[in-house]
Amino acid sequence: MQGVARNFFTLAIIYALCGMALGIHMAISQDHGQMPTHAHIMVAGWLMSTVFAFFYHLFPAAAGRTLAMVHFWLTAVSGVALVVGLYLLLAGNEAMEAVTGIGSMGFYAAMFLFAFIALPTVYSRA
């Protein structure tokens, strides 16, 4: 695995470790108030980054495009803003609502970009 595929897979592992640590913390403390954050880390972070990693691994021509690296950085930056903002928002910091919203919109834009990259790739006759 190389390039953007490796970047996404590394990001996925980091998300998995963070999500699992938060899950263990909630279980030990018996405070499950961060369950939405945990779910976002595991699904938006771990699962989606893994899917992106394997897509780019399976389709190296798509991985070699500049848009693939734009996709990685947009996903990485907006995903971190989303989950950190959500964590702080649920911890009582209402000022983080804007950060969470901007992160969410950025993450949606990253998924839209992925659709723009992936759909022509999987439907091509080459």
N, C-alpha and C. Protein backbone atom coordinates (compact mmCIF):
# COMPACT_ATOMS: atom_id res chain seq x y z
N MET A 1 0.86 -1.17 0.00
CA MET A 1 0.00 0.00 0.00
C MET A 1 0.90 1.23 0.00
N GLN A 2 0.57 2.18 -0.87
CA GLN A 2 1.41 3.37 -1.01
C GLN A 2 0.56 4.62 -1.12
N GLY A 3 1.23 5.75 -1.03
CA GLY A 3 0.63 7.04 -1.32
C GLY A 3 -0.62 7.34 -0.52
N VAL A 4 -1.64 7.81 -1.24
CA VAL A 4 -2.87 8.24 -0.58
C VAL A 4 -3.59 7.07 0.09
N ALA A 5 -3.46 5.87 -0.46
CA ALA A 5 -4.07 4.69 0.18
C ALA A 5 -3.45 4.45 1.55
N ARG A 6 -2.13 4.53 1.62
CA ARG A 6 -1.44 4.36 2.90
C ARG A 6 -1.80 5.48 3.87
N ASN A 7 -1.93 6.71 3.37
CA ASN A 7 -2.31 7.83 4.23
C ASN A 7 -3.68 7.59 4.85
N PHE A 8 -4.64 7.18 4.02
CA PHE A 8 -5.98 6.91 4.54
C PHE A 8 -5.98 5.74 5.53
N PHE A 9 -5.19 4.71 5.26
CA PHE A 9 -5.15 3.56 6.17
C PHE A 9 -4.53 3.95 7.51
N THR A 10 -3.49 4.76 7.46
CA THR A 10 -2.88 5.26 8.71
C THR A 10 -3.88 6.09 9.49
N LEU A 11 -4.60 6.98 8.80
CA LEU A 11 -5.62 7.79 9.45
C LEU A 11 -6.70 6.90 10.07
N ALA A 12 -7.10 5.86 9.35
CA ALA A 12 -8.11 4.94 9.86
C ALA A 12 -7.67 4.28 11.17
N ILE A 13 -6.42 3.85 11.23
CA ILE A 13 -5.92 3.21 12.45
C ILE A 13 -5.89 4.19 13.61
N ILE A 14 -5.50 5.43 13.35
CA ILE A 14 -5.49 6.45 14.40
C ILE A 14 -6.91 6.68 14.92
N TYR A 15 -7.88 6.79 13.99
CA TYR A 15 -9.28 6.93 14.41
C TYR A 15 -9.73 5.74 15.24
N ALA A 16 -9.38 4.53 14.82
CA ALA A 16 -9.81 3.34 15.56
C ALA A 16 -9.27 3.35 16.98
N LEU A 17 -7.99 3.68 17.12
CA LEU A 17 -7.39 3.73 18.46
C LEU A 17 -8.05 4.78 19.33
N CYS A 18 -8.31 5.95 18.76
CA CYS A 18 -8.96 7.03 19.52
C CYS A 18 -10.40 6.65 19.89
N GLY A 19 -11.12 6.09 18.93
CA GLY A 19 -12.51 5.69 19.20
C GLY A 19 -12.61 4.60 20.24
N MET A 20 -11.70 3.64 20.18
CA MET A 20 -11.70 2.57 21.18
C MET A 20 -11.32 3.10 22.55
N ALA A 21 -10.34 4.01 22.60
CA ALA A 21 -9.95 4.60 23.89
C ALA A 21 -11.12 5.37 24.50
N LEU A 22 -11.86 6.12 23.67
CA LEU A 22 -13.03 6.84 24.19
C LEU A 22 -14.09 5.86 24.67
N GLY A 23 -14.29 4.77 23.94
CA GLY A 23 -15.26 3.76 24.37
C GLY A 23 -14.87 3.12 25.69
N ILE A 24 -13.60 2.80 25.86
CA ILE A 24 -13.13 2.23 27.13
C ILE A 24 -13.30 3.24 28.26
N HIS A 25 -12.97 4.50 27.99
CA HIS A 25 -13.13 5.55 29.01
C HIS A 25 -14.60 5.67 29.43
N MET A 26 -15.51 5.63 28.47
CA MET A 26 -16.94 5.72 28.82
C MET A 26 -17.37 4.52 29.65
N ALA A 27 -16.88 3.34 29.30
CA ALA A 27 -17.26 2.14 30.05
C ALA A 27 -16.74 2.20 31.48
N ILE A 28 -15.49 2.62 31.64
CA ILE A 28 -14.91 2.69 32.99
C ILE A 28 -15.60 3.73 33.84
N SER A 29 -15.88 4.89 33.24
CA SER A 29 -16.47 5.99 34.00
C SER A 29 -17.99 5.86 34.17
N GLN A 30 -18.59 4.94 33.40
CA GLN A 30 -20.05 4.78 33.38
C GLN A 30 -20.75 6.07 32.93
N ASP A 31 -20.05 6.91 32.20
CA ASP A 31 -20.60 8.14 31.63
C ASP A 31 -20.57 7.98 30.11
N HIS A 32 -21.73 7.78 29.52
CA HIS A 32 -21.83 7.53 28.09
C HIS A 32 -22.29 8.75 27.32
N GLY A 33 -22.03 9.93 27.87
CA GLY A 33 -22.43 11.18 27.24
C GLY A 33 -21.72 11.47 25.92
N GLN A 34 -20.58 10.83 25.70
CA GLN A 34 -19.83 11.03 24.46
C GLN A 34 -20.11 9.95 23.42
N MET A 35 -21.19 9.20 23.59
CA MET A 35 -21.52 8.14 22.64
C MET A 35 -21.63 8.65 21.20
N PRO A 36 -22.25 9.83 20.95
CA PRO A 36 -22.28 10.32 19.56
C PRO A 36 -20.88 10.58 19.00
N THR A 37 -19.97 11.07 19.84
CA THR A 37 -18.60 11.31 19.39
C THR A 37 -17.93 9.98 19.07
N HIS A 38 -18.09 9.01 19.95
CA HIS A 38 -17.53 7.67 19.74
C HIS A 38 -18.04 7.09 18.42
N ALA A 39 -19.33 7.20 18.16
CA ALA A 39 -19.91 6.67 16.93
C ALA A 39 -19.35 7.38 15.70
N HIS A 40 -19.20 8.69 15.78
CA HIS A 40 -18.64 9.43 14.64
C HIS A 40 -17.18 9.05 14.39
N ILE A 41 -16.42 8.88 15.45
CA ILE A 41 -15.02 8.49 15.29
C ILE A 41 -14.93 7.12 14.62
N MET A 42 -15.74 6.19 15.08
CA MET A 42 -15.65 4.83 14.57
C MET A 42 -16.21 4.69 13.15
N VAL A 43 -17.31 5.38 12.85
CA VAL A 43 -17.92 5.23 11.52
C VAL A 43 -17.31 6.21 10.52
N ALA A 44 -17.36 7.50 10.82
CA ALA A 44 -16.83 8.50 9.88
C ALA A 44 -15.31 8.40 9.80
N GLY A 45 -14.68 8.12 10.92
CA GLY A 45 -13.22 8.06 10.94
C GLY A 45 -12.67 6.71 10.50
N TRP A 46 -12.85 5.72 11.34
CA TRP A 46 -12.27 4.40 11.09
C TRP A 46 -12.84 3.74 9.83
N LEU A 47 -14.15 3.60 9.77
CA LEU A 47 -14.77 2.86 8.67
C LEU A 47 -14.58 3.55 7.33
N MET A 48 -14.92 4.84 7.25
CA MET A 48 -14.83 5.53 5.96
C MET A 48 -13.39 5.66 5.48
N SER A 49 -12.47 5.95 6.39
CA SER A 49 -11.07 6.06 5.98
C SER A 49 -10.53 4.72 5.48
N THR A 50 -10.99 3.63 6.08
CA THR A 50 -10.59 2.30 5.62
C THR A 50 -11.14 2.02 4.22
N VAL A 51 -12.40 2.37 4.00
CA VAL A 51 -12.99 2.19 2.68
C VAL A 51 -12.22 3.00 1.64
N PHE A 52 -11.91 4.26 1.97
CA PHE A 52 -11.15 5.10 1.05
C PHE A 52 -9.77 4.48 0.78
N ALA A 53 -9.12 3.99 1.81
CA ALA A 53 -7.79 3.38 1.65
C ALA A 53 -7.83 2.22 0.67
N PHE A 54 -8.80 1.33 0.84
CA PHE A 54 -8.85 0.16 -0.03
C PHE A 54 -9.32 0.50 -1.44
N PHE A 55 -10.17 1.52 -1.57
CA PHE A 55 -10.54 1.97 -2.91
C PHE A 55 -9.29 2.43 -3.66
N TYR A 56 -8.52 3.32 -3.03
CA TYR A 56 -7.33 3.85 -3.70
C TYR A 56 -6.27 2.76 -3.92
N HIS A 57 -6.24 1.78 -3.04
CA HIS A 57 -5.31 0.66 -3.24
C HIS A 57 -5.73 -0.18 -4.46
N LEU A 58 -7.03 -0.38 -4.60
CA LEU A 58 -7.53 -1.20 -5.71
C LEU A 58 -7.53 -0.46 -7.05
N PHE A 59 -7.57 0.86 -7.00
CA PHE A 59 -7.60 1.67 -8.22
C PHE A 59 -6.45 2.67 -8.21
N PRO A 60 -5.23 2.20 -8.47
CA PRO A 60 -4.06 3.07 -8.38
C PRO A 60 -4.09 4.26 -9.34
N ALA A 61 -4.78 4.14 -10.46
CA ALA A 61 -4.88 5.28 -11.37
C ALA A 61 -5.61 6.44 -10.70
N ALA A 62 -6.66 6.14 -9.95
CA ALA A 62 -7.39 7.18 -9.22
C ALA A 62 -6.53 7.73 -8.09
N ALA A 63 -5.74 6.88 -7.46
CA ALA A 63 -4.88 7.30 -6.35
C ALA A 63 -3.79 8.25 -6.81
N GLY A 64 -3.40 8.14 -8.07
CA GLY A 64 -2.33 8.97 -8.60
C GLY A 64 -2.77 10.37 -8.99
N ARG A 65 -4.05 10.62 -8.98
CA ARG A 65 -4.56 11.94 -9.35
C ARG A 65 -4.38 12.92 -8.20
N THR A 66 -4.17 14.19 -8.56
CA THR A 66 -4.03 15.24 -7.55
C THR A 66 -5.28 15.34 -6.68
N LEU A 67 -6.45 15.10 -7.29
CA LEU A 67 -7.70 15.16 -6.52
C LEU A 67 -7.74 14.16 -5.38
N ALA A 68 -7.04 13.04 -5.53
CA ALA A 68 -7.02 12.05 -4.45
C ALA A 68 -6.34 12.61 -3.21
N MET A 69 -5.25 13.35 -3.40
CA MET A 69 -4.57 13.96 -2.25
C MET A 69 -5.41 15.09 -1.66
N VAL A 70 -6.10 15.84 -2.51
CA VAL A 70 -7.04 16.86 -2.01
C VAL A 70 -8.12 16.17 -1.19
N HIS A 71 -8.61 15.03 -1.68
CA HIS A 71 -9.62 14.27 -0.94
C HIS A 71 -9.10 13.85 0.43
N PHE A 72 -7.86 13.36 0.47
CA PHE A 72 -7.29 12.95 1.75
C PHE A 72 -7.24 14.11 2.73
N TRP A 73 -6.66 15.23 2.33
CA TRP A 73 -6.50 16.35 3.25
C TRP A 73 -7.82 16.97 3.67
N LEU A 74 -8.78 17.05 2.75
CA LEU A 74 -10.10 17.56 3.12
C LEU A 74 -10.77 16.64 4.12
N THR A 75 -10.65 15.34 3.90
CA THR A 75 -11.22 14.35 4.84
C THR A 75 -10.53 14.43 6.19
N ALA A 76 -9.20 14.49 6.19
CA ALA A 76 -8.44 14.48 7.44
C ALA A 76 -8.73 15.72 8.28
N VAL A 77 -8.63 16.89 7.67
CA VAL A 77 -8.80 18.14 8.42
C VAL A 77 -10.24 18.30 8.89
N SER A 78 -11.20 18.07 7.99
CA SER A 78 -12.60 18.26 8.38
C SER A 78 -13.05 17.19 9.37
N GLY A 79 -12.54 15.97 9.23
CA GLY A 79 -12.91 14.91 10.17
C GLY A 79 -12.42 15.19 11.58
N VAL A 80 -11.20 15.68 11.70
CA VAL A 80 -10.68 16.03 13.02
C VAL A 80 -11.49 17.20 13.60
N ALA A 81 -11.78 18.21 12.78
CA ALA A 81 -12.59 19.34 13.26
C ALA A 81 -13.96 18.85 13.72
N LEU A 82 -14.54 17.93 12.97
CA LEU A 82 -15.85 17.39 13.31
C LEU A 82 -15.84 16.67 14.66
N VAL A 83 -14.93 15.72 14.84
CA VAL A 83 -14.98 14.92 16.07
C VAL A 83 -14.46 15.69 17.29
N VAL A 84 -13.46 16.53 17.13
CA VAL A 84 -12.99 17.34 18.26
C VAL A 84 -14.07 18.35 18.64
N GLY A 85 -14.66 18.99 17.64
CA GLY A 85 -15.74 19.94 17.90
C GLY A 85 -16.92 19.27 18.58
N LEU A 86 -17.29 18.07 18.12
CA LEU A 86 -18.40 17.35 18.71
C LEU A 86 -18.09 16.95 20.15
N TYR A 87 -16.87 16.49 20.39
CA TYR A 87 -16.47 16.11 21.75
C TYR A 87 -16.61 17.31 22.70
N LEU A 88 -16.07 18.44 22.28
CA LEU A 88 -16.11 19.64 23.14
C LEU A 88 -17.53 20.18 23.27
N LEU A 89 -18.32 20.09 22.20
CA LEU A 89 -19.72 20.54 22.25
C LEU A 89 -20.50 19.71 23.25
N LEU A 90 -20.33 18.40 23.20
CA LEU A 90 -21.05 17.52 24.13
C LEU A 90 -20.53 17.63 25.56
N ALA A 91 -19.31 18.15 25.71
CA ALA A 91 -18.76 18.38 27.04
C ALA A 91 -19.27 19.70 27.63
N GLY A 92 -20.08 20.43 26.87
CA GLY A 92 -20.69 21.64 27.40
C GLY A 92 -20.19 22.95 26.80
N ASN A 93 -19.27 22.90 25.86
CA ASN A 93 -18.74 24.11 25.25
C ASN A 93 -19.58 24.45 24.02
N GLU A 94 -20.59 25.29 24.21
CA GLU A 94 -21.52 25.61 23.13
C GLU A 94 -20.87 26.36 21.98
N ALA A 95 -19.72 27.00 22.22
CA ALA A 95 -19.02 27.72 21.17
C ALA A 95 -18.50 26.77 20.09
N MET A 96 -18.44 25.48 20.39
CA MET A 96 -17.92 24.50 19.43
C MET A 96 -18.95 24.07 18.39
N GLU A 97 -20.16 24.58 18.52
CA GLU A 97 -21.19 24.22 17.54
C GLU A 97 -20.78 24.65 16.13
N ALA A 98 -20.17 25.82 16.00
CA ALA A 98 -19.73 26.30 14.69
C ALA A 98 -18.62 25.41 14.13
N VAL A 99 -17.68 25.03 14.98
CA VAL A 99 -16.57 24.16 14.53
C VAL A 99 -17.13 22.82 14.07
N THR A 100 -18.06 22.28 14.84
CA THR A 100 -18.69 21.01 14.48
C THR A 100 -19.42 21.12 13.15
N GLY A 101 -20.14 22.21 12.97
CA GLY A 101 -20.87 22.42 11.72
C GLY A 101 -19.94 22.57 10.53
N ILE A 102 -18.88 23.34 10.69
CA ILE A 102 -17.92 23.51 9.60
C ILE A 102 -17.23 22.18 9.28
N GLY A 103 -16.86 21.43 10.33
CA GLY A 103 -16.27 20.11 10.12
C GLY A 103 -17.21 19.17 9.39
N SER A 104 -18.49 19.22 9.76
CA SER A 104 -19.49 18.37 9.10
C SER A 104 -19.64 18.72 7.63
N MET A 105 -19.70 20.01 7.33
CA MET A 105 -19.83 20.43 5.93
C MET A 105 -18.59 20.07 5.13
N GLY A 106 -17.41 20.22 5.74
CA GLY A 106 -16.18 19.82 5.07
C GLY A 106 -16.13 18.33 4.81
N PHE A 107 -16.60 17.55 5.77
CA PHE A 107 -16.60 16.10 5.62
C PHE A 107 -17.57 15.67 4.52
N TYR A 108 -18.71 16.37 4.45
CA TYR A 108 -19.67 16.10 3.37
C TYR A 108 -19.04 16.44 2.02
N ALA A 109 -18.35 17.57 1.96
CA ALA A 109 -17.67 17.96 0.72
C ALA A 109 -16.63 16.91 0.32
N ALA A 110 -15.93 16.35 1.30
CA ALA A 110 -14.95 15.30 1.02
C ALA A 110 -15.64 14.05 0.45
N MET A 111 -16.80 13.71 0.97
CA MET A 111 -17.54 12.55 0.45
C MET A 111 -18.04 12.84 -0.95
N PHE A 112 -18.48 14.06 -1.20
CA PHE A 112 -18.91 14.46 -2.54
C PHE A 112 -17.73 14.36 -3.51
N LEU A 113 -16.56 14.81 -3.08
CA LEU A 113 -15.36 14.71 -3.91
C LEU A 113 -15.02 13.25 -4.18
N PHE A 114 -15.16 12.40 -3.17
CA PHE A 114 -14.91 10.97 -3.36
C PHE A 114 -15.86 10.40 -4.41
N ALA A 115 -17.12 10.78 -4.37
CA ALA A 115 -18.08 10.32 -5.38
C ALA A 115 -17.64 10.77 -6.77
N PHE A 116 -17.15 11.99 -6.87
CA PHE A 116 -16.68 12.54 -8.14
C PHE A 116 -15.47 11.75 -8.66
N ILE A 117 -14.64 11.27 -7.75
CA ILE A 117 -13.46 10.48 -8.13
C ILE A 117 -13.83 9.03 -8.40
N ALA A 118 -14.61 8.44 -7.50
CA ALA A 118 -14.83 6.99 -7.51
C ALA A 118 -15.84 6.52 -8.56
N LEU A 119 -16.93 7.22 -8.71
CA LEU A 119 -17.97 6.71 -9.62
C LEU A 119 -17.49 6.61 -11.07
N PRO A 120 -16.85 7.63 -11.63
CA PRO A 120 -16.32 7.44 -12.99
C PRO A 120 -15.28 6.31 -13.08
N THR A 121 -14.54 6.12 -12.00
CA THR A 121 -13.52 5.07 -11.99
C THR A 121 -14.15 3.69 -12.05
N VAL A 122 -15.16 3.44 -11.25
CA VAL A 122 -15.76 2.10 -11.22
C VAL A 122 -16.69 1.85 -12.40
N TYR A 123 -17.16 2.91 -13.06
CA TYR A 123 -18.03 2.75 -14.22
C TYR A 123 -17.28 2.83 -15.55
N SER A 124 -15.97 3.07 -15.51
CA SER A 124 -15.20 3.15 -16.75
C SER A 124 -15.06 1.77 -17.36
N ARG A 125 -14.89 1.72 -18.66
CA ARG A 125 -14.78 0.44 -19.36
C ARG A 125 -13.33 -0.01 -19.47
N ALA A 126 -12.41 0.82 -18.98
CA ALA A 126 -10.98 0.50 -19.12
C ALA A 126 -10.56 -0.59 -18.18
